[in-house]
């Protein structure tokens, strides 16, 4: 049975830990490792949508994740920049469309104000996902 692990990253130290764990899991299971990052779409008007990050920043985040996986002895099979208005929905949809068996995400910012403003993407991914979700700390 071929397994696919999707690791969602944002360039933070917490997502680096998620990539490490996902790569270790992929190596142990003989699974493919997919890495994605979400560029959040802001309100759009007649001029079209604008996004939080520049394309170059998204590519930098993916390259960093691939480097972390490589230090664990795993090559990332597929990388994707997801454009979505909601991080969790974007990650879960991508996992479903690519038949992923496991989603790995990082978390660790436990400041109350951060959760009130941003919410918890990891928690929302775990709630919505069709598959197993591993949350790395």
N, C-alpha and C. Protein backbone atom coordinates (compact mmCIF):
# COMPACT_ATOMS: atom_id res chain seq x y z
N UNK A 1 0.84 -1.18 0.00
CA UNK A 1 0.00 0.00 0.00
C UNK A 1 0.88 1.24 0.00
N UNK A 2 0.62 2.12 -0.93
CA UNK A 2 1.38 3.35 -1.04
C UNK A 2 0.74 4.41 -0.14
N UNK A 3 1.54 5.03 0.69
CA UNK A 3 1.06 6.07 1.58
C UNK A 3 1.53 7.43 1.08
N UNK A 4 0.71 8.45 1.36
CA UNK A 4 1.06 9.82 1.03
C UNK A 4 0.88 10.66 2.28
N UNK A 5 1.93 11.36 2.63
CA UNK A 5 1.91 12.25 3.78
C UNK A 5 2.00 13.67 3.27
N UNK A 6 1.07 14.52 3.71
CA UNK A 6 1.08 15.93 3.36
C UNK A 6 1.49 16.72 4.58
N UNK A 7 2.53 17.53 4.43
CA UNK A 7 2.99 18.39 5.52
C UNK A 7 2.74 19.84 5.11
N UNK A 8 1.92 20.53 5.90
CA UNK A 8 1.62 21.93 5.64
C UNK A 8 2.61 22.79 6.42
N UNK A 9 3.22 23.76 5.72
CA UNK A 9 4.27 24.58 6.33
C UNK A 9 4.00 26.06 6.14
N UNK A 10 4.61 26.85 7.04
CA UNK A 10 4.50 28.31 6.91
C UNK A 10 5.85 29.01 7.09
N UNK A 11 6.92 28.24 7.17
CA UNK A 11 8.25 28.82 7.31
C UNK A 11 8.69 29.03 8.74
N UNK A 12 7.83 28.75 9.71
CA UNK A 12 8.16 28.96 11.12
C UNK A 12 8.97 27.79 11.67
N UNK A 13 9.52 27.98 12.86
CA UNK A 13 10.23 26.90 13.54
C UNK A 13 9.29 25.73 13.82
N UNK A 14 8.03 26.02 14.09
CA UNK A 14 7.04 24.97 14.35
C UNK A 14 6.80 24.13 13.10
N UNK A 15 6.78 24.77 11.94
CA UNK A 15 6.58 23.98 10.73
C UNK A 15 7.84 23.20 10.37
N UNK A 16 9.02 23.71 10.75
CA UNK A 16 10.25 22.94 10.55
C UNK A 16 10.17 21.63 11.34
N UNK A 17 9.66 21.70 12.56
CA UNK A 17 9.50 20.50 13.38
C UNK A 17 8.50 19.55 12.73
N UNK A 18 7.44 20.10 12.14
CA UNK A 18 6.46 19.26 11.45
C UNK A 18 7.10 18.54 10.27
N UNK A 19 7.94 19.23 9.52
CA UNK A 19 8.62 18.61 8.37
C UNK A 19 9.56 17.50 8.85
N UNK A 20 10.28 17.76 9.93
CA UNK A 20 11.16 16.72 10.48
C UNK A 20 10.37 15.46 10.81
N UNK A 21 9.26 15.65 11.51
CA UNK A 21 8.43 14.51 11.89
C UNK A 21 7.83 13.83 10.67
N UNK A 22 7.31 14.61 9.73
CA UNK A 22 6.72 14.04 8.52
C UNK A 22 7.75 13.25 7.72
N UNK A 23 8.96 13.78 7.64
CA UNK A 23 10.03 13.08 6.91
C UNK A 23 10.40 11.78 7.61
N UNK A 24 10.48 11.80 8.92
CA UNK A 24 10.77 10.58 9.68
C UNK A 24 9.68 9.54 9.45
N UNK A 25 8.44 9.99 9.45
CA UNK A 25 7.32 9.08 9.21
C UNK A 25 7.38 8.52 7.79
N UNK A 26 7.64 9.38 6.82
CA UNK A 26 7.71 8.95 5.42
C UNK A 26 8.81 7.91 5.24
N UNK A 27 9.95 8.16 5.85
CA UNK A 27 11.07 7.22 5.73
C UNK A 27 10.69 5.87 6.35
N UNK A 28 10.09 5.88 7.54
CA UNK A 28 9.73 4.64 8.24
C UNK A 28 8.63 3.87 7.51
N UNK A 29 7.71 4.58 6.86
CA UNK A 29 6.57 3.95 6.19
C UNK A 29 6.80 3.69 4.71
N UNK A 30 7.89 4.25 4.17
CA UNK A 30 8.11 4.16 2.73
C UNK A 30 7.08 4.98 1.97
N UNK A 31 6.66 6.09 2.57
CA UNK A 31 5.60 6.93 2.01
C UNK A 31 6.17 8.07 1.19
N UNK A 32 5.34 8.61 0.30
CA UNK A 32 5.67 9.83 -0.41
C UNK A 32 5.42 11.01 0.52
N UNK A 33 6.28 12.01 0.44
CA UNK A 33 6.12 13.21 1.25
C UNK A 33 5.77 14.39 0.35
N UNK A 34 4.60 14.94 0.56
CA UNK A 34 4.16 16.14 -0.13
C UNK A 34 4.27 17.30 0.86
N UNK A 35 4.65 18.46 0.37
CA UNK A 35 4.73 19.67 1.20
C UNK A 35 3.91 20.76 0.54
N UNK A 36 3.12 21.46 1.36
CA UNK A 36 2.35 22.57 0.82
C UNK A 36 2.43 23.77 1.76
N UNK A 37 2.17 24.93 1.20
CA UNK A 37 2.04 26.15 1.98
C UNK A 37 0.85 26.91 1.42
N UNK A 38 0.19 27.67 2.27
CA UNK A 38 -1.01 28.38 1.86
C UNK A 38 -0.74 29.87 1.83
N UNK A 39 -1.04 30.47 0.69
CA UNK A 39 -0.98 31.91 0.55
C UNK A 39 -2.41 32.41 0.67
N UNK A 40 -2.69 33.09 1.76
CA UNK A 40 -4.05 33.50 2.06
C UNK A 40 -4.48 34.64 1.15
N UNK A 41 -5.63 34.43 0.51
CA UNK A 41 -6.21 35.45 -0.36
C UNK A 41 -6.95 36.47 0.49
N UNK A 42 -6.65 37.73 0.24
CA UNK A 42 -7.35 38.79 0.92
C UNK A 42 -8.62 39.12 0.15
N UNK A 43 -9.41 39.99 0.67
CA UNK A 43 -10.63 40.37 -0.04
C UNK A 43 -10.29 40.81 -1.45
N UNK A 44 -11.09 40.35 -2.38
CA UNK A 44 -10.83 40.70 -3.77
C UNK A 44 -11.90 41.66 -4.26
N UNK A 45 -11.50 42.45 -5.21
CA UNK A 45 -12.42 43.39 -5.83
C UNK A 45 -12.37 43.22 -7.33
N UNK A 46 -12.65 44.26 -8.02
CA UNK A 46 -12.64 44.20 -9.48
C UNK A 46 -11.25 43.92 -10.04
N UNK A 47 -10.23 44.31 -9.31
CA UNK A 47 -8.86 44.11 -9.77
C UNK A 47 -8.38 42.68 -9.55
N UNK A 48 -9.18 41.85 -8.90
CA UNK A 48 -8.78 40.48 -8.61
C UNK A 48 -8.30 40.35 -7.18
N UNK A 49 -7.93 39.15 -6.81
CA UNK A 49 -7.50 38.87 -5.44
C UNK A 49 -6.07 39.34 -5.22
N UNK A 50 -5.81 39.72 -3.99
CA UNK A 50 -4.43 39.98 -3.59
C UNK A 50 -4.12 39.00 -2.47
N UNK A 51 -2.83 38.70 -2.30
CA UNK A 51 -2.42 37.67 -1.37
C UNK A 51 -1.50 38.23 -0.31
N UNK A 52 -1.43 37.53 0.81
CA UNK A 52 -0.62 37.97 1.95
C UNK A 52 0.86 38.00 1.59
N UNK A 53 1.35 36.99 0.88
CA UNK A 53 2.78 36.86 0.59
C UNK A 53 3.05 36.92 -0.91
N UNK A 54 4.24 37.37 -1.24
CA UNK A 54 4.70 37.35 -2.63
C UNK A 54 5.03 35.91 -3.01
N UNK A 55 4.96 35.63 -4.29
CA UNK A 55 5.24 34.29 -4.79
C UNK A 55 6.64 33.82 -4.39
N UNK A 56 7.60 34.73 -4.41
CA UNK A 56 8.98 34.38 -4.04
C UNK A 56 9.06 33.91 -2.59
N UNK A 57 8.28 34.51 -1.72
CA UNK A 57 8.27 34.10 -0.31
C UNK A 57 7.70 32.69 -0.17
N UNK A 58 6.67 32.39 -0.93
CA UNK A 58 6.08 31.05 -0.89
C UNK A 58 7.08 30.01 -1.37
N UNK A 59 7.81 30.32 -2.42
CA UNK A 59 8.83 29.40 -2.94
C UNK A 59 9.95 29.21 -1.93
N UNK A 60 10.32 30.28 -1.22
CA UNK A 60 11.35 30.19 -0.19
C UNK A 60 10.91 29.25 0.94
N UNK A 61 9.65 29.36 1.34
CA UNK A 61 9.12 28.50 2.39
C UNK A 61 9.17 27.03 1.96
N UNK A 62 8.78 26.75 0.73
CA UNK A 62 8.81 25.37 0.24
C UNK A 62 10.24 24.84 0.12
N UNK A 63 11.16 25.69 -0.33
CA UNK A 63 12.56 25.27 -0.45
C UNK A 63 13.15 24.96 0.93
N UNK A 64 12.81 25.78 1.91
CA UNK A 64 13.28 25.54 3.28
C UNK A 64 12.76 24.19 3.79
N UNK A 65 11.49 23.91 3.55
CA UNK A 65 10.90 22.64 3.98
C UNK A 65 11.58 21.45 3.30
N UNK A 66 11.85 21.59 2.01
CA UNK A 66 12.54 20.51 1.28
C UNK A 66 13.93 20.28 1.85
N UNK A 67 14.59 21.36 2.26
CA UNK A 67 15.91 21.23 2.88
C UNK A 67 15.85 20.52 4.22
N UNK A 68 14.84 20.82 5.01
CA UNK A 68 14.67 20.15 6.31
C UNK A 68 14.42 18.66 6.08
N UNK A 69 13.57 18.33 5.11
CA UNK A 69 13.29 16.92 4.81
C UNK A 69 14.56 16.20 4.36
N UNK A 70 15.36 16.88 3.57
CA UNK A 70 16.59 16.28 3.06
C UNK A 70 17.55 15.95 4.20
N UNK A 71 17.60 16.79 5.24
CA UNK A 71 18.47 16.49 6.39
C UNK A 71 18.00 15.23 7.12
N UNK A 72 16.73 14.87 6.91
CA UNK A 72 16.18 13.63 7.50
C UNK A 72 16.31 12.46 6.53
N UNK A 73 16.93 12.70 5.37
CA UNK A 73 17.14 11.64 4.41
C UNK A 73 15.96 11.36 3.49
N UNK A 74 15.07 12.33 3.36
CA UNK A 74 13.87 12.14 2.54
C UNK A 74 13.79 13.24 1.49
N UNK A 75 13.43 12.86 0.28
CA UNK A 75 13.21 13.82 -0.79
C UNK A 75 11.71 14.10 -0.88
N UNK A 76 11.37 15.38 -0.94
CA UNK A 76 9.96 15.77 -1.09
C UNK A 76 9.51 15.37 -2.49
N UNK A 77 8.40 14.62 -2.56
CA UNK A 77 7.86 14.13 -3.82
C UNK A 77 7.16 15.23 -4.60
N UNK A 78 6.40 16.06 -3.90
CA UNK A 78 5.61 17.10 -4.56
C UNK A 78 5.50 18.32 -3.64
N UNK A 79 5.58 19.51 -4.24
CA UNK A 79 5.42 20.77 -3.51
C UNK A 79 4.27 21.55 -4.14
N UNK A 80 3.55 22.30 -3.31
CA UNK A 80 2.45 23.09 -3.84
C UNK A 80 2.24 24.36 -3.03
N UNK A 81 1.97 25.44 -3.75
CA UNK A 81 1.49 26.67 -3.13
C UNK A 81 -0.01 26.68 -3.34
N UNK A 82 -0.75 26.74 -2.26
CA UNK A 82 -2.20 26.74 -2.31
C UNK A 82 -2.68 28.17 -2.09
N UNK A 83 -3.52 28.65 -2.96
CA UNK A 83 -4.14 29.96 -2.79
C UNK A 83 -5.54 29.73 -2.25
N UNK A 84 -5.81 30.24 -1.06
CA UNK A 84 -7.11 30.02 -0.43
C UNK A 84 -7.42 31.15 0.53
N UNK A 85 -8.68 31.33 0.81
CA UNK A 85 -9.09 32.34 1.79
C UNK A 85 -8.97 31.80 3.21
N UNK A 86 -8.92 30.49 3.35
CA UNK A 86 -8.87 29.84 4.67
C UNK A 86 -7.78 28.77 4.64
N UNK A 87 -6.83 28.87 5.56
CA UNK A 87 -5.70 27.95 5.59
C UNK A 87 -6.15 26.51 5.75
N UNK A 88 -6.97 26.25 6.75
CA UNK A 88 -7.39 24.87 7.03
C UNK A 88 -8.14 24.27 5.84
N UNK A 89 -9.07 25.02 5.28
CA UNK A 89 -9.84 24.51 4.14
C UNK A 89 -8.93 24.22 2.96
N UNK A 90 -7.94 25.08 2.72
CA UNK A 90 -7.01 24.87 1.62
C UNK A 90 -6.19 23.61 1.80
N UNK A 91 -5.69 23.38 3.01
CA UNK A 91 -4.86 22.20 3.28
C UNK A 91 -5.70 20.93 3.18
N UNK A 92 -6.87 20.93 3.80
CA UNK A 92 -7.72 19.74 3.78
C UNK A 92 -8.16 19.42 2.36
N UNK A 93 -8.55 20.41 1.59
CA UNK A 93 -8.96 20.19 0.20
C UNK A 93 -7.80 19.61 -0.62
N UNK A 94 -6.60 20.15 -0.43
CA UNK A 94 -5.43 19.66 -1.15
C UNK A 94 -5.15 18.19 -0.78
N UNK A 95 -5.27 17.87 0.50
CA UNK A 95 -5.04 16.49 0.95
C UNK A 95 -6.06 15.54 0.33
N UNK A 96 -7.31 15.97 0.28
CA UNK A 96 -8.35 15.12 -0.30
C UNK A 96 -8.12 14.91 -1.80
N UNK A 97 -7.83 15.99 -2.53
CA UNK A 97 -7.63 15.90 -3.97
C UNK A 97 -6.43 15.04 -4.34
N UNK A 98 -5.45 14.95 -3.44
CA UNK A 98 -4.24 14.17 -3.71
C UNK A 98 -4.21 12.83 -2.98
N UNK A 99 -5.35 12.44 -2.43
CA UNK A 99 -5.49 11.14 -1.75
C UNK A 99 -4.44 10.92 -0.66
N UNK A 100 -4.19 11.94 0.14
CA UNK A 100 -3.21 11.81 1.22
C UNK A 100 -3.81 11.04 2.38
N UNK A 101 -2.98 10.22 3.01
CA UNK A 101 -3.41 9.38 4.14
C UNK A 101 -3.21 10.07 5.48
N UNK A 102 -2.23 10.97 5.53
CA UNK A 102 -1.86 11.64 6.78
C UNK A 102 -1.53 13.09 6.47
N UNK A 103 -1.97 13.98 7.34
CA UNK A 103 -1.58 15.39 7.27
C UNK A 103 -0.76 15.68 8.52
N UNK A 104 0.39 16.31 8.34
CA UNK A 104 1.23 16.71 9.47
C UNK A 104 1.33 18.23 9.47
N UNK A 105 1.05 18.83 10.62
CA UNK A 105 1.15 20.27 10.79
C UNK A 105 1.86 20.56 12.09
N UNK A 106 2.41 21.76 12.18
CA UNK A 106 3.07 22.18 13.41
C UNK A 106 2.20 23.16 14.17
N UNK A 107 2.44 23.24 15.45
CA UNK A 107 1.77 24.22 16.29
C UNK A 107 2.69 24.50 17.47
N UNK A 108 2.42 25.57 18.15
CA UNK A 108 3.25 25.85 19.31
C UNK A 108 3.06 27.23 19.89
N UNK A 109 2.45 28.15 19.12
CA UNK A 109 2.23 29.49 19.64
C UNK A 109 1.01 29.43 20.54
N UNK A 110 1.25 29.40 21.82
CA UNK A 110 0.16 29.20 22.77
C UNK A 110 -0.31 30.51 23.42
N UNK A 111 0.15 31.64 22.89
CA UNK A 111 -0.29 32.91 23.45
C UNK A 111 -1.77 33.12 23.15
N UNK A 112 -2.53 33.49 24.14
CA UNK A 112 -3.98 33.63 23.99
C UNK A 112 -4.34 34.66 22.93
N UNK A 113 -3.64 35.78 22.89
CA UNK A 113 -3.99 36.81 21.93
C UNK A 113 -3.80 36.32 20.51
N UNK A 114 -2.77 35.52 20.27
CA UNK A 114 -2.53 34.97 18.93
C UNK A 114 -3.69 34.07 18.52
N UNK A 115 -4.16 33.23 19.43
CA UNK A 115 -5.25 32.33 19.10
C UNK A 115 -6.54 33.10 18.84
N UNK A 116 -6.77 34.16 19.60
CA UNK A 116 -7.98 34.95 19.40
C UNK A 116 -7.97 35.63 18.03
N UNK A 117 -6.82 36.13 17.62
CA UNK A 117 -6.74 36.84 16.35
C UNK A 117 -6.66 35.87 15.17
N UNK A 118 -5.80 34.89 15.25
CA UNK A 118 -5.54 34.01 14.12
C UNK A 118 -6.31 32.70 14.16
N UNK A 119 -6.74 32.30 15.34
CA UNK A 119 -7.34 30.99 15.47
C UNK A 119 -6.26 29.93 15.43
N UNK A 120 -6.64 28.69 15.42
CA UNK A 120 -5.66 27.62 15.35
C UNK A 120 -5.88 26.83 14.08
N UNK A 121 -5.01 27.04 13.10
CA UNK A 121 -5.12 26.32 11.83
C UNK A 121 -4.97 24.82 12.07
N UNK A 122 -4.05 24.42 12.93
CA UNK A 122 -3.84 23.00 13.20
C UNK A 122 -5.11 22.37 13.77
N UNK A 123 -5.73 23.04 14.70
CA UNK A 123 -6.97 22.52 15.30
C UNK A 123 -8.08 22.40 14.26
N UNK A 124 -8.19 23.39 13.41
CA UNK A 124 -9.23 23.38 12.37
C UNK A 124 -8.95 22.30 11.32
N UNK A 125 -7.69 22.09 10.97
CA UNK A 125 -7.34 21.03 10.04
C UNK A 125 -7.73 19.68 10.63
N UNK A 126 -7.42 19.46 11.90
CA UNK A 126 -7.76 18.21 12.57
C UNK A 126 -9.28 18.00 12.59
N UNK A 127 -10.02 19.06 12.77
CA UNK A 127 -11.49 18.96 12.83
C UNK A 127 -12.08 18.62 11.46
N UNK A 128 -11.52 19.18 10.39
CA UNK A 128 -12.11 19.04 9.05
C UNK A 128 -11.58 17.86 8.24
N UNK A 129 -10.43 17.35 8.58
CA UNK A 129 -9.72 16.39 7.73
C UNK A 129 -10.45 15.05 7.59
N UNK A 130 -10.29 14.46 6.44
CA UNK A 130 -10.84 13.14 6.12
C UNK A 130 -9.90 12.03 6.57
N UNK A 131 -8.70 12.39 6.98
CA UNK A 131 -7.66 11.41 7.29
C UNK A 131 -7.03 11.73 8.64
N UNK A 132 -6.05 10.93 9.01
CA UNK A 132 -5.32 11.14 10.25
C UNK A 132 -4.54 12.45 10.17
N UNK A 133 -4.54 13.19 11.28
CA UNK A 133 -3.78 14.43 11.37
C UNK A 133 -2.82 14.31 12.55
N UNK A 134 -1.57 14.60 12.30
CA UNK A 134 -0.54 14.59 13.34
C UNK A 134 -0.11 16.03 13.56
N UNK A 135 -0.17 16.47 14.81
CA UNK A 135 0.21 17.83 15.15
C UNK A 135 1.54 17.77 15.92
N UNK A 136 2.56 18.36 15.31
CA UNK A 136 3.91 18.33 15.89
C UNK A 136 4.12 19.57 16.75
N UNK A 137 4.82 19.38 17.85
CA UNK A 137 5.19 20.50 18.74
C UNK A 137 6.69 20.60 18.78
